[in-house]
Amino acid sequence: MSIALLLLILAALALFIWRGCDHRADARAISRLVADQPDAPAHFDASMIAALPETARRYFLYTIEPGTPLYTVASISMTGRFGMGVKAKPDYLDMHAHQTLSVPAGFVWKMQARRGWLRLSGSDSHKWTRFWLMGLLPVARMNSDINHKRSAFGRYVAEAVFWAPASVLPGPGILWEQPDKDCARLTVSYQGLSQSVDITVAADGRPTQVSFERWSNANPDKKYRLQPFGGYLSEFRIFAGFRLPTHVEAGNQFGTEQYFPFFVADINDIRFPEH
């Protein structure tokens, strides 16, 4: 065996082991998030939200049925499209993903995507971004610095609104306000981070869209700054007493002509795992 071939085999083996380490780190992080699930949750009652602004009450009465066990950790499986390009050329990949969401602690989103021969897989979380090309070549790796934490916090606070409403019921670090008659504003504060999200609430309480200022470097300058982010919610179904959207479209520059919905997801199932 030539030295070049031996080195190639050793490099491939090292990458394979590295990829396996990522999978194990994902599994450990998911287990920690699931451990946040309450063992004996309270059951939803309208009295829990009596002191909230009217739009927030309307939202909760739509999204949580009376008597529902208030599980705060959600496990979401989805298919859809993930855009790797820009508005003029979205470069969508077909996507399969699974997310574990526990607010305010964090999230893990594991994704596999493809277009033709191209394969992209990996995970995103409040602590890292790790993606691989063809399952073997690392193409995006970011550990958690303050910019990543702040950006990720905005994402999963917004996602709690439509996939884990029990996690944003009144409690420590949770503030609800009413900017206008059809808007509920949620602010979540946790470990020095704070994120506000505006929810457009229909007359029946259905949240139709979310919008917020997200800390992001998804701009031509590649510099972190606050910029519009948001999306649309539709096709609601009931999961274990929660009425949740099963179609979500979201992206940068929401509400402007530059809006690009790079994330388009159809939900297959939502569960509330017990530990």
C-alpha atoms as a PDB file:
ATOM      1  CA  MET A   1       0.000   0.000   0.000  1.00  0.00           C
ATOM      2  CA  SER A   2       1.398   3.379  -0.976  1.00  0.00           C
ATOM      3  CA  ILE A   3       1.927   6.099   1.606  1.00  0.00           C
ATOM      4  CA  ALA A   4      -0.517   8.380  -0.241  1.00  0.00           C
ATOM      5  CA  LEU A   5      -3.270   5.748  -0.125  1.00  0.00           C
ATOM      6  CA  LEU A   6      -2.591   5.055   3.552  1.00  0.00           C
ATOM      7  CA  LEU A   7      -2.824   8.761   4.371  1.00  0.00           C
ATOM      8  CA  LEU A   8      -6.081   8.999   2.434  1.00  0.00           C
ATOM      9  CA  ILE A   9      -7.563   6.081   4.383  1.00  0.00           C
ATOM     10  CA  LEU A  10      -6.436   7.561   7.694  1.00  0.00           C
ATOM     11  CA  ALA A  11      -7.919  10.968   6.783  1.00  0.00           C
ATOM     12  CA  ALA A  12     -11.252   9.373   5.839  1.00  0.00           C
ATOM     13  CA  LEU A  13     -11.265   7.396   9.089  1.00  0.00           C
ATOM     14  CA  ALA A  14     -10.536  10.543  11.107  1.00  0.00           C
ATOM     15  CA  LEU A  15     -13.403  12.378   9.413  1.00  0.00           C
ATOM     16  CA  PHE A  16     -15.731   9.430  10.038  1.00  0.00           C
ATOM     17  CA  ILE A  17     -14.836   9.428  13.745  1.00  0.00           C
ATOM     18  CA  TRP A  18     -15.259  13.209  13.892  1.00  0.00           C
ATOM     19  CA  ARG A  19     -18.718  12.902  12.335  1.00  0.00           C
ATOM     20  CA  GLY A  20     -19.614  10.246  14.891  1.00  0.00           C
ATOM     21  CA  CYS A  21     -18.545  12.581  17.701  1.00  0.00           C
ATOM     22  CA  ASP A  22     -20.984  15.180  16.360  1.00  0.00           C
ATOM     23  CA  HIS A  23     -23.828  12.647  16.429  1.00  0.00           C
ATOM     24  CA  ARG A  24     -23.023  11.700  20.026  1.00  0.00           C
ATOM     25  CA  ALA A  25     -22.858  15.378  21.051  1.00  0.00           C
ATOM     26  CA  ASP A  26     -26.277  15.923  19.447  1.00  0.00           C
ATOM     27  CA  ALA A  27     -27.718  12.977  21.376  1.00  0.00           C
ATOM     28  CA  ARG A  28     -26.322  14.198  24.702  1.00  0.00           C
ATOM     29  CA  ALA A  29     -27.659  17.716  24.133  1.00  0.00           C
ATOM     30  CA  ILE A  30     -31.096  16.379  23.208  1.00  0.00           C
ATOM     31  CA  SER A  31     -31.169  14.254  26.371  1.00  0.00           C
ATOM     32  CA  ARG A  32     -30.362  17.313  28.487  1.00  0.00           C
ATOM     33  CA  LEU A  33     -33.185  19.279  26.874  1.00  0.00           C
ATOM     34  CA  VAL A  34     -35.704  16.456  27.320  1.00  0.00           C
ATOM     35  CA  ALA A  35     -34.714  16.324  30.999  1.00  0.00           C
ATOM     36  CA  ASP A  36     -36.276  19.802  31.324  1.00  0.00           C
ATOM     37  CA  GLN A  37     -39.730  18.321  30.686  1.00  0.00           C
ATOM     38  CA  PRO A  38     -41.859  18.613  33.836  1.00  0.00           C
ATOM     39  CA  ASP A  39     -42.637  15.244  35.426  1.00  0.00           C
ATOM     40  CA  ALA A  40     -46.123  16.207  36.588  1.00  0.00           C
ATOM     41  CA  PRO A  41     -47.147  19.308  34.636  1.00  0.00           C
ATOM     42  CA  ALA A  42     -50.018  21.537  35.623  1.00  0.00           C
ATOM     43  CA  HIS A  43     -53.083  21.492  33.368  1.00  0.00           C
ATOM     44  CA  PHE A  44     -54.123  24.552  31.415  1.00  0.00           C
ATOM     45  CA  ASP A  45     -56.829  26.766  32.834  1.00  0.00           C
ATOM     46  CA  ALA A  46     -57.915  30.216  31.648  1.00  0.00           C
ATOM     47  CA  SER A  47     -57.222  31.611  35.117  1.00  0.00           C
ATOM     48  CA  MET A  48     -53.484  31.209  34.403  1.00  0.00           C
ATOM     49  CA  ILE A  49     -53.656  33.962  31.787  1.00  0.00           C
ATOM     50  CA  ALA A  50     -56.296  36.218  33.352  1.00  0.00           C
ATOM     51  CA  ALA A  51     -53.802  39.041  33.988  1.00  0.00           C
ATOM     52  CA  LEU A  52     -52.377  39.079  30.449  1.00  0.00           C
ATOM     53  CA  PRO A  53     -53.270  41.594  27.717  1.00  0.00           C
ATOM     54  CA  GLU A  54     -56.261  40.616  25.589  1.00  0.00           C
ATOM     55  CA  THR A  55     -54.261  39.577  22.516  1.00  0.00           C
ATOM     56  CA  ALA A  56     -52.068  37.268  24.598  1.00  0.00           C
ATOM     57  CA  ARG A  57     -55.150  35.703  26.227  1.00  0.00           C
ATOM     58  CA  ARG A  58     -56.687  35.223  22.787  1.00  0.00           C
ATOM     59  CA  TYR A  59     -53.506  33.544  21.559  1.00  0.00           C
ATOM     60  CA  PHE A  60     -53.288  31.109  24.493  1.00  0.00           C
ATOM     61  CA  LEU A  61     -56.982  30.211  24.382  1.00  0.00           C
ATOM     62  CA  TYR A  62     -56.527  29.234  20.740  1.00  0.00           C
ATOM     63  CA  THR A  63     -53.236  27.350  21.070  1.00  0.00           C
ATOM     64  CA  ILE A  64     -53.919  25.406  24.314  1.00  0.00           C
ATOM     65  CA  GLU A  65     -57.136  23.530  25.020  1.00  0.00           C
ATOM     66  CA  PRO A  66     -58.539  23.563  28.582  1.00  0.00           C
ATOM     67  CA  GLY A  67     -57.122  20.766  30.717  1.00  0.00           C
ATOM     68  CA  THR A  68     -54.047  20.200  28.511  1.00  0.00           C
ATOM     69  CA  PRO A  69     -50.949  19.012  30.430  1.00  0.00           C
ATOM     70  CA  LEU A  70     -48.479  21.876  30.124  1.00  0.00           C
ATOM     71  CA  TYR A  71     -45.482  20.132  28.629  1.00  0.00           C
ATOM     72  CA  THR A  72     -42.812  22.658  27.727  1.00  0.00           C
ATOM     73  CA  VAL A  73     -40.366  20.513  25.731  1.00  0.00           C
ATOM     74  CA  ALA A  74     -41.418  19.716  22.158  1.00  0.00           C
ATOM     75  CA  SER A  75     -40.037  17.212  19.659  1.00  0.00           C
ATOM     76  CA  ILE A  76     -40.829  18.229  16.073  1.00  0.00           C
ATOM     77  CA  SER A  77     -40.288  16.224  12.874  1.00  0.00           C
ATOM     78  CA  MET A  78     -40.518  18.051   9.561  1.00  0.00           C
ATOM     79  CA  THR A  79     -39.915  17.967   5.834  1.00  0.00           C
ATOM     80  CA  GLY A  80     -39.644  20.897   3.469  1.00  0.00           C
ATOM     81  CA  ARG A  81     -37.139  23.092   1.718  1.00  0.00           C
ATOM     82  CA  PHE A  82     -34.009  24.845   2.936  1.00  0.00           C
ATOM     83  CA  GLY A  83     -32.636  27.697   0.814  1.00  0.00           C
ATOM     84  CA  MET A  84     -28.879  27.985   0.405  1.00  0.00           C
ATOM     85  CA  GLY A  85     -28.999  31.004  -1.908  1.00  0.00           C
ATOM     86  CA  VAL A  86     -30.627  34.414  -2.061  1.00  0.00           C
ATOM     87  CA  LYS A  87     -34.070  35.693  -3.052  1.00  0.00           C
ATOM     88  CA  ALA A  88     -33.195  35.879  -6.757  1.00  0.00           C
ATOM     89  CA  LYS A  89     -31.707  32.360  -6.696  1.00  0.00           C
ATOM     90  CA  PRO A  90     -32.974  30.433  -3.660  1.00  0.00           C
ATOM     91  CA  ASP A  91     -31.091  27.176  -4.370  1.00  0.00           C
ATOM     92  CA  TYR A  92     -33.581  25.164  -2.319  1.00  0.00           C
ATOM     93  CA  LEU A  93     -32.644  21.720  -1.061  1.00  0.00           C
ATOM     94  CA  ASP A  94     -35.225  19.105  -0.082  1.00  0.00           C
ATOM     95  CA  MET A  95     -35.066  18.801   3.696  1.00  0.00           C
ATOM     96  CA  HIS A  96     -35.834  16.271   6.413  1.00  0.00           C
ATOM     97  CA  ALA A  97     -35.236  17.468   9.968  1.00  0.00           C
ATOM     98  CA  HIS A  98     -35.963  16.813  13.615  1.00  0.00           C
ATOM     99  CA  GLN A  99     -35.911  19.423  16.344  1.00  0.00           C
ATOM    100  CA  THR A 100     -35.964  19.261  20.128  1.00  0.00           C
ATOM    101  CA  LEU A 101     -37.064  22.577  21.629  1.00  0.00           C
ATOM    102  CA  SER A 102     -36.885  23.598  25.292  1.00  0.00           C
ATOM    103  CA  VAL A 103     -37.345  27.274  26.074  1.00  0.00           C
ATOM    104  CA  PRO A 104     -35.488  29.027  27.586  1.00  0.00           C
ATOM    105  CA  ALA A 105     -32.753  26.365  27.755  1.00  0.00           C
ATOM    106  CA  GLY A 106     -32.172  25.831  24.027  1.00  0.00           C
ATOM    107  CA  PHE A 107     -32.743  23.605  21.011  1.00  0.00           C
ATOM    108  CA  VAL A 108     -31.134  21.037  18.723  1.00  0.00           C
ATOM    109  CA  TRP A 109     -32.126  20.919  15.029  1.00  0.00           C
ATOM    110  CA  LYS A 110     -30.777  17.909  13.073  1.00  0.00           C
ATOM    111  CA  MET A 111     -31.155  18.165   9.324  1.00  0.00           C
ATOM    112  CA  GLN A 112     -30.501  16.195   6.148  1.00  0.00           C
ATOM    113  CA  ALA A 113     -30.969  17.934   2.800  1.00  0.00           C
ATOM    114  CA  ARG A 114     -30.359  17.079  -0.827  1.00  0.00           C
ATOM    115  CA  ARG A 115     -30.614  18.365  -4.372  1.00  0.00           C
ATOM    116  CA  GLY A 116     -29.466  16.008  -7.106  1.00  0.00           C
ATOM    117  CA  TRP A 117     -26.082  14.636  -6.089  1.00  0.00           C
ATOM    118  CA  LEU A 118     -25.587  17.305  -3.398  1.00  0.00           C
ATOM    119  CA  ARG A 119     -26.015  16.135   0.205  1.00  0.00           C
ATOM    120  CA  LEU A 120     -25.887  18.385   3.275  1.00  0.00           C
ATOM    121  CA  SER A 121     -26.389  17.201   6.848  1.00  0.00           C
ATOM    122  CA  GLY A 122     -25.631  18.279  10.373  1.00  0.00           C
ATOM    123  CA  SER A 123     -27.107  20.152  13.283  1.00  0.00           C
ATOM    124  CA  ASP A 124     -27.759  23.622  14.586  1.00  0.00           C
ATOM    125  CA  SER A 125     -28.276  24.506  18.242  1.00  0.00           C
ATOM    126  CA  HIS A 126     -27.933  27.244  20.814  1.00  0.00           C
ATOM    127  CA  LYS A 127     -24.332  26.056  21.316  1.00  0.00           C
ATOM    128  CA  TRP A 128     -23.065  25.278  17.820  1.00  0.00           C
ATOM    129  CA  THR A 129     -23.566  25.062  14.069  1.00  0.00           C
ATOM    130  CA  ARG A 130     -22.094  21.907  12.447  1.00  0.00           C
ATOM    131  CA  PHE A 131     -22.819  20.911   8.857  1.00  0.00           C
ATOM    132  CA  TRP A 132     -21.204  18.345   6.579  1.00  0.00           C
ATOM    133  CA  LEU A 133     -21.105  17.924   2.807  1.00  0.00           C
ATOM    134  CA  MET A 134     -21.749  14.380   1.570  1.00  0.00           C
ATOM    135  CA  GLY A 135     -21.629  13.229   5.195  1.00  0.00           C
ATOM    136  CA  LEU A 136     -17.848  13.446   5.309  1.00  0.00           C
ATOM    137  CA  LEU A 137     -16.542  16.955   4.595  1.00  0.00           C
ATOM    138  CA  PRO A 138     -17.081  19.660   7.254  1.00  0.00           C
ATOM    139  CA  VAL A 139     -18.343  22.811   5.526  1.00  0.00           C
ATOM    140  CA  ALA A 140     -19.730  24.955   8.364  1.00  0.00           C
ATOM    141  CA  ARG A 141     -18.639  24.849  11.983  1.00  0.00           C
ATOM    142  CA  MET A 142     -19.295  27.483  14.586  1.00  0.00           C
ATOM    143  CA  ASN A 143     -18.994  27.200  18.329  1.00  0.00           C
ATOM    144  CA  SER A 144     -21.019  29.309  20.698  1.00  0.00           C
ATOM    145  CA  ASP A 145     -19.729  32.856  21.058  1.00  0.00           C
ATOM    146  CA  ILE A 146     -21.935  35.749  22.164  1.00  0.00           C
ATOM    147  CA  ASN A 147     -23.037  36.485  18.578  1.00  0.00           C
ATOM    148  CA  HIS A 148     -24.101  32.895  17.982  1.00  0.00           C
ATOM    149  CA  LYS A 149     -25.898  32.699  21.343  1.00  0.00           C
ATOM    150  CA  ARG A 150     -27.787  35.912  20.716  1.00  0.00           C
ATOM    151  CA  SER A 151     -28.819  34.898  17.200  1.00  0.00           C
ATOM    152  CA  ALA A 152     -29.885  31.410  18.281  1.00  0.00           C
ATOM    153  CA  PHE A 153     -31.850  32.806  21.222  1.00  0.00           C
ATOM    154  CA  GLY A 154     -33.960  34.883  18.860  1.00  0.00           C
ATOM    155  CA  ARG A 155     -34.715  31.845  16.754  1.00  0.00           C
ATOM    156  CA  TYR A 156     -35.861  29.516  19.477  1.00  0.00           C
ATOM    157  CA  VAL A 157     -37.854  32.110  21.404  1.00  0.00           C
ATOM    158  CA  ALA A 158     -39.834  32.742  18.206  1.00  0.00           C
ATOM    159  CA  GLU A 159     -40.273  29.018  17.593  1.00  0.00           C
ATOM    160  CA  ALA A 160     -41.582  28.516  21.129  1.00  0.00           C
ATOM    161  CA  VAL A 161     -44.476  30.803  20.220  1.00  0.00           C
ATOM    162  CA  PHE A 162     -45.777  28.410  17.581  1.00  0.00           C
ATOM    163  CA  TRP A 163     -44.461  24.972  18.657  1.00  0.00           C
ATOM    164  CA  ALA A 164     -44.205  25.102  22.471  1.00  0.00           C
ATOM    165  CA  PRO A 165     -46.722  27.652  23.799  1.00  0.00           C
ATOM    166  CA  ALA A 166     -46.709  26.225  27.334  1.00  0.00           C
ATOM    167  CA  SER A 167     -43.089  27.342  27.677  1.00  0.00           C
ATOM    168  CA  VAL A 168     -44.083  31.014  27.328  1.00  0.00           C
ATOM    169  CA  LEU A 169     -46.966  31.078  29.798  1.00  0.00           C
ATOM    170  CA  PRO A 170     -46.584  33.707  32.557  1.00  0.00           C
ATOM    171  CA  GLY A 171     -43.559  33.052  34.732  1.00  0.00           C
ATOM    172  CA  PRO A 172     -40.032  34.251  35.516  1.00  0.00           C
ATOM    173  CA  GLY A 173     -38.398  35.990  32.557  1.00  0.00           C
ATOM    174  CA  ILE A 174     -41.662  36.174  30.589  1.00  0.00           C
ATOM    175  CA  LEU A 175     -43.337  39.477  29.705  1.00  0.00           C
ATOM    176  CA  TRP A 176     -46.445  39.921  27.546  1.00  0.00           C
ATOM    177  CA  GLU A 177     -47.504  43.288  26.109  1.00  0.00           C
ATOM    178  CA  GLN A 178     -50.070  44.503  23.571  1.00  0.00           C
ATOM    179  CA  PRO A 179     -48.704  47.040  21.061  1.00  0.00           C
ATOM    180  CA  ASP A 180     -52.045  47.128  19.192  1.00  0.00           C
ATOM    181  CA  LYS A 181     -55.370  45.310  19.015  1.00  0.00           C
ATOM    182  CA  ASP A 182     -54.105  42.388  16.914  1.00  0.00           C
ATOM    183  CA  CYS A 183     -50.513  42.104  18.143  1.00  0.00           C
ATOM    184  CA  ALA A 184     -49.160  40.270  21.174  1.00  0.00           C
ATOM    185  CA  ARG A 185     -45.555  41.035  22.086  1.00  0.00           C
ATOM    186  CA  LEU A 186     -43.585  38.424  24.014  1.00  0.00           C
ATOM    187  CA  THR A 187     -40.253  39.236  25.657  1.00  0.00           C
ATOM    188  CA  VAL A 188     -38.169  36.398  27.104  1.00  0.00           C
ATOM    189  CA  SER A 189     -35.150  37.160  29.306  1.00  0.00           C
ATOM    190  CA  TYR A 190     -32.662  34.451  30.264  1.00  0.00           C
ATOM    191  CA  GLN A 191     -29.039  34.453  31.429  1.00  0.00           C
ATOM    192  CA  GLY A 192     -28.342  37.991  30.217  1.00  0.00           C
ATOM    193  CA  LEU A 193     -30.154  37.563  26.901  1.00  0.00           C
ATOM    194  CA  SER A 194     -33.438  39.212  25.977  1.00  0.00           C
ATOM    195  CA  GLN A 195     -35.602  38.770  22.894  1.00  0.00           C
ATOM    196  CA  SER A 196     -38.923  40.335  21.925  1.00  0.00           C
ATOM    197  CA  VAL A 197     -41.208  38.722  19.347  1.00  0.00           C
ATOM    198  CA  ASP A 198     -44.383  40.206  17.867  1.00  0.00           C
ATOM    199  CA  ILE A 199     -47.219  37.781  17.105  1.00  0.00           C
ATOM    200  CA  THR A 200     -50.038  38.792  14.789  1.00  0.00           C
ATOM    201  CA  VAL A 201     -53.188  37.299  16.319  1.00  0.00           C
ATOM    202  CA  ALA A 202     -56.374  36.681  14.305  1.00  0.00           C
ATOM    203  CA  ALA A 203     -59.836  37.303  15.725  1.00  0.00           C
ATOM    204  CA  ASP A 204     -60.127  33.650  16.770  1.00  0.00           C
ATOM    205  CA  GLY A 205     -56.706  33.745  18.488  1.00  0.00           C
ATOM    206  CA  ARG A 206     -54.782  32.008  15.720  1.00  0.00           C
ATOM    207  CA  PRO A 207     -51.180  33.278  15.429  1.00  0.00           C
ATOM    208  CA  THR A 208     -50.764  34.016  11.725  1.00  0.00           C
ATOM    209  CA  GLN A 209     -47.234  35.413  11.698  1.00  0.00           C
ATOM    210  CA  VAL A 210     -44.281  36.214  13.922  1.00  0.00           C
ATOM    211  CA  SER A 211     -41.735  38.981  13.449  1.00  0.00           C
ATOM    212  CA  PHE A 212     -38.767  40.268  15.409  1.00  0.00           C
ATOM    213  CA  GLU A 213     -35.426  41.990  15.198  1.00  0.00           C
ATOM    214  CA  ARG A 214     -32.847  39.193  15.069  1.00  0.00           C
ATOM    215  CA  TRP A 215     -29.130  39.512  15.738  1.00  0.00           C
ATOM    216  CA  SER A 216     -27.707  38.158  12.491  1.00  0.00           C
ATOM    217  CA  ASN A 217     -24.871  38.355   9.977  1.00  0.00           C
ATOM    218  CA  ALA A 218     -27.056  37.187   7.086  1.00  0.00           C
ATOM    219  CA  ASN A 219     -26.410  40.332   5.073  1.00  0.00           C
ATOM    220  CA  PRO A 220     -24.053  41.406   2.268  1.00  0.00           C
ATOM    221  CA  ASP A 221     -21.569  42.819   4.790  1.00  0.00           C
ATOM    222  CA  LYS A 222     -21.514  39.563   6.828  1.00  0.00           C
ATOM    223  CA  LYS A 223     -21.601  41.700   9.969  1.00  0.00           C
ATOM    224  CA  TYR A 224     -23.758  40.996  12.989  1.00  0.00           C
ATOM    225  CA  ARG A 225     -26.539  43.507  13.513  1.00  0.00           C
ATOM    226  CA  LEU A 226     -30.228  43.608  14.300  1.00  0.00           C
ATOM    227  CA  GLN A 227     -32.362  43.041  11.218  1.00  0.00           C
ATOM    228  CA  PRO A 228     -35.929  41.940  10.448  1.00  0.00           C
ATOM    229  CA  PHE A 229     -36.737  38.247  10.655  1.00  0.00           C
ATOM    230  CA  GLY A 230     -40.048  36.426  10.687  1.00  0.00           C
ATOM    231  CA  GLY A 231     -42.513  34.225   8.911  1.00  0.00           C
ATOM    232  CA  TYR A 232     -46.015  32.940   8.322  1.00  0.00           C
ATOM    233  CA  LEU A 233     -47.900  30.196  10.173  1.00  0.00           C
ATOM    234  CA  SER A 234     -50.720  28.087   8.745  1.00  0.00           C
ATOM    235  CA  GLU A 235     -52.430  24.678   8.587  1.00  0.00           C
ATOM    236  CA  PHE A 236     -53.045  24.253  12.312  1.00  0.00           C
ATOM    237  CA  ARG A 237     -53.614  20.833  13.880  1.00  0.00           C
ATOM    238  CA  ILE A 238     -54.057  19.595  17.433  1.00  0.00           C
ATOM    239  CA  PHE A 239     -51.203  17.696  19.098  1.00  0.00           C
ATOM    240  CA  ALA A 240     -51.843  16.454  22.653  1.00  0.00           C
ATOM    241  CA  GLY A 241     -54.137  19.401  23.349  1.00  0.00           C
ATOM    242  CA  PHE A 242     -51.980  22.058  21.656  1.00  0.00           C
ATOM    243  CA  ARG A 243     -53.218  23.667  18.407  1.00  0.00           C
ATOM    244  CA  LEU A 244     -50.049  24.257  16.399  1.00  0.00           C
ATOM    245  CA  PRO A 245     -49.086  25.248  12.833  1.00  0.00           C
ATOM    246  CA  THR A 246     -47.946  22.501  10.487  1.00  0.00           C
ATOM    247  CA  HIS A 247     -46.736  24.831   7.746  1.00  0.00           C
ATOM    248  CA  VAL A 248     -44.129  27.487   8.494  1.00  0.00           C
ATOM    249  CA  GLU A 249     -42.284  29.811   6.110  1.00  0.00           C
ATOM    250  CA  ALA A 250     -39.603  32.093   7.547  1.00  0.00           C
ATOM    251  CA  GLY A 251     -36.601  34.127   6.559  1.00  0.00           C
ATOM    252  CA  ASN A 252     -34.500  37.234   6.754  1.00  0.00           C
ATOM    253  CA  GLN A 253     -35.681  40.774   5.992  1.00  0.00           C
ATOM    254  CA  PHE A 254     -39.267  39.857   6.845  1.00  0.00           C
ATOM    255  CA  GLY A 255     -41.713  42.613   5.956  1.00  0.00           C
ATOM    256  CA  THR A 256     -39.417  44.153   3.333  1.00  0.00           C
ATOM    257  CA  GLU A 257     -38.953  43.675  -0.423  1.00  0.00           C
ATOM    258  CA  GLN A 258     -35.815  41.681   0.347  1.00  0.00           C
ATOM    259  CA  TYR A 259     -37.700  39.006   2.312  1.00  0.00           C
ATOM    260  CA  PHE A 260     -36.420  35.539   1.410  1.00  0.00           C
ATOM    261  CA  PRO A 261     -38.151  32.523   3.027  1.00  0.00           C
ATOM    262  CA  PHE A 262     -35.145  30.210   3.159  1.00  0.00           C
ATOM    263  CA  PHE A 263     -36.932  27.935   5.665  1.00  0.00           C
ATOM    264  CA  VAL A 264     -40.128  26.260   4.425  1.00  0.00           C
ATOM    265  CA  ALA A 265     -41.319  23.434   6.670  1.00  0.00           C
ATOM    266  CA  ASP A 266     -44.241  21.024   6.725  1.00  0.00           C
ATOM    267  CA  ILE A 267     -44.658  19.338  10.084  1.00  0.00           C
ATOM    268  CA  ASN A 268     -45.101  15.573  10.177  1.00  0.00           C
ATOM    269  CA  ASP A 269     -45.513  15.220  13.928  1.00  0.00           C
ATOM    270  CA  ILE A 270     -45.060  17.056  17.220  1.00  0.00           C
ATOM    271  CA  ARG A 271     -44.574  15.122  20.448  1.00  0.00           C
ATOM    272  CA  PHE A 272     -43.869  16.095  24.024  1.00  0.00           C
ATOM    273  CA  PRO A 273     -41.312  13.530  25.215  1.00  0.00           C
ATOM    274  CA  GLU A 274     -41.210  12.331  28.795  1.00  0.00           C
ATOM    275  CA  HIS A 275     -37.931  11.478  30.510  1.00  0.00           C
END
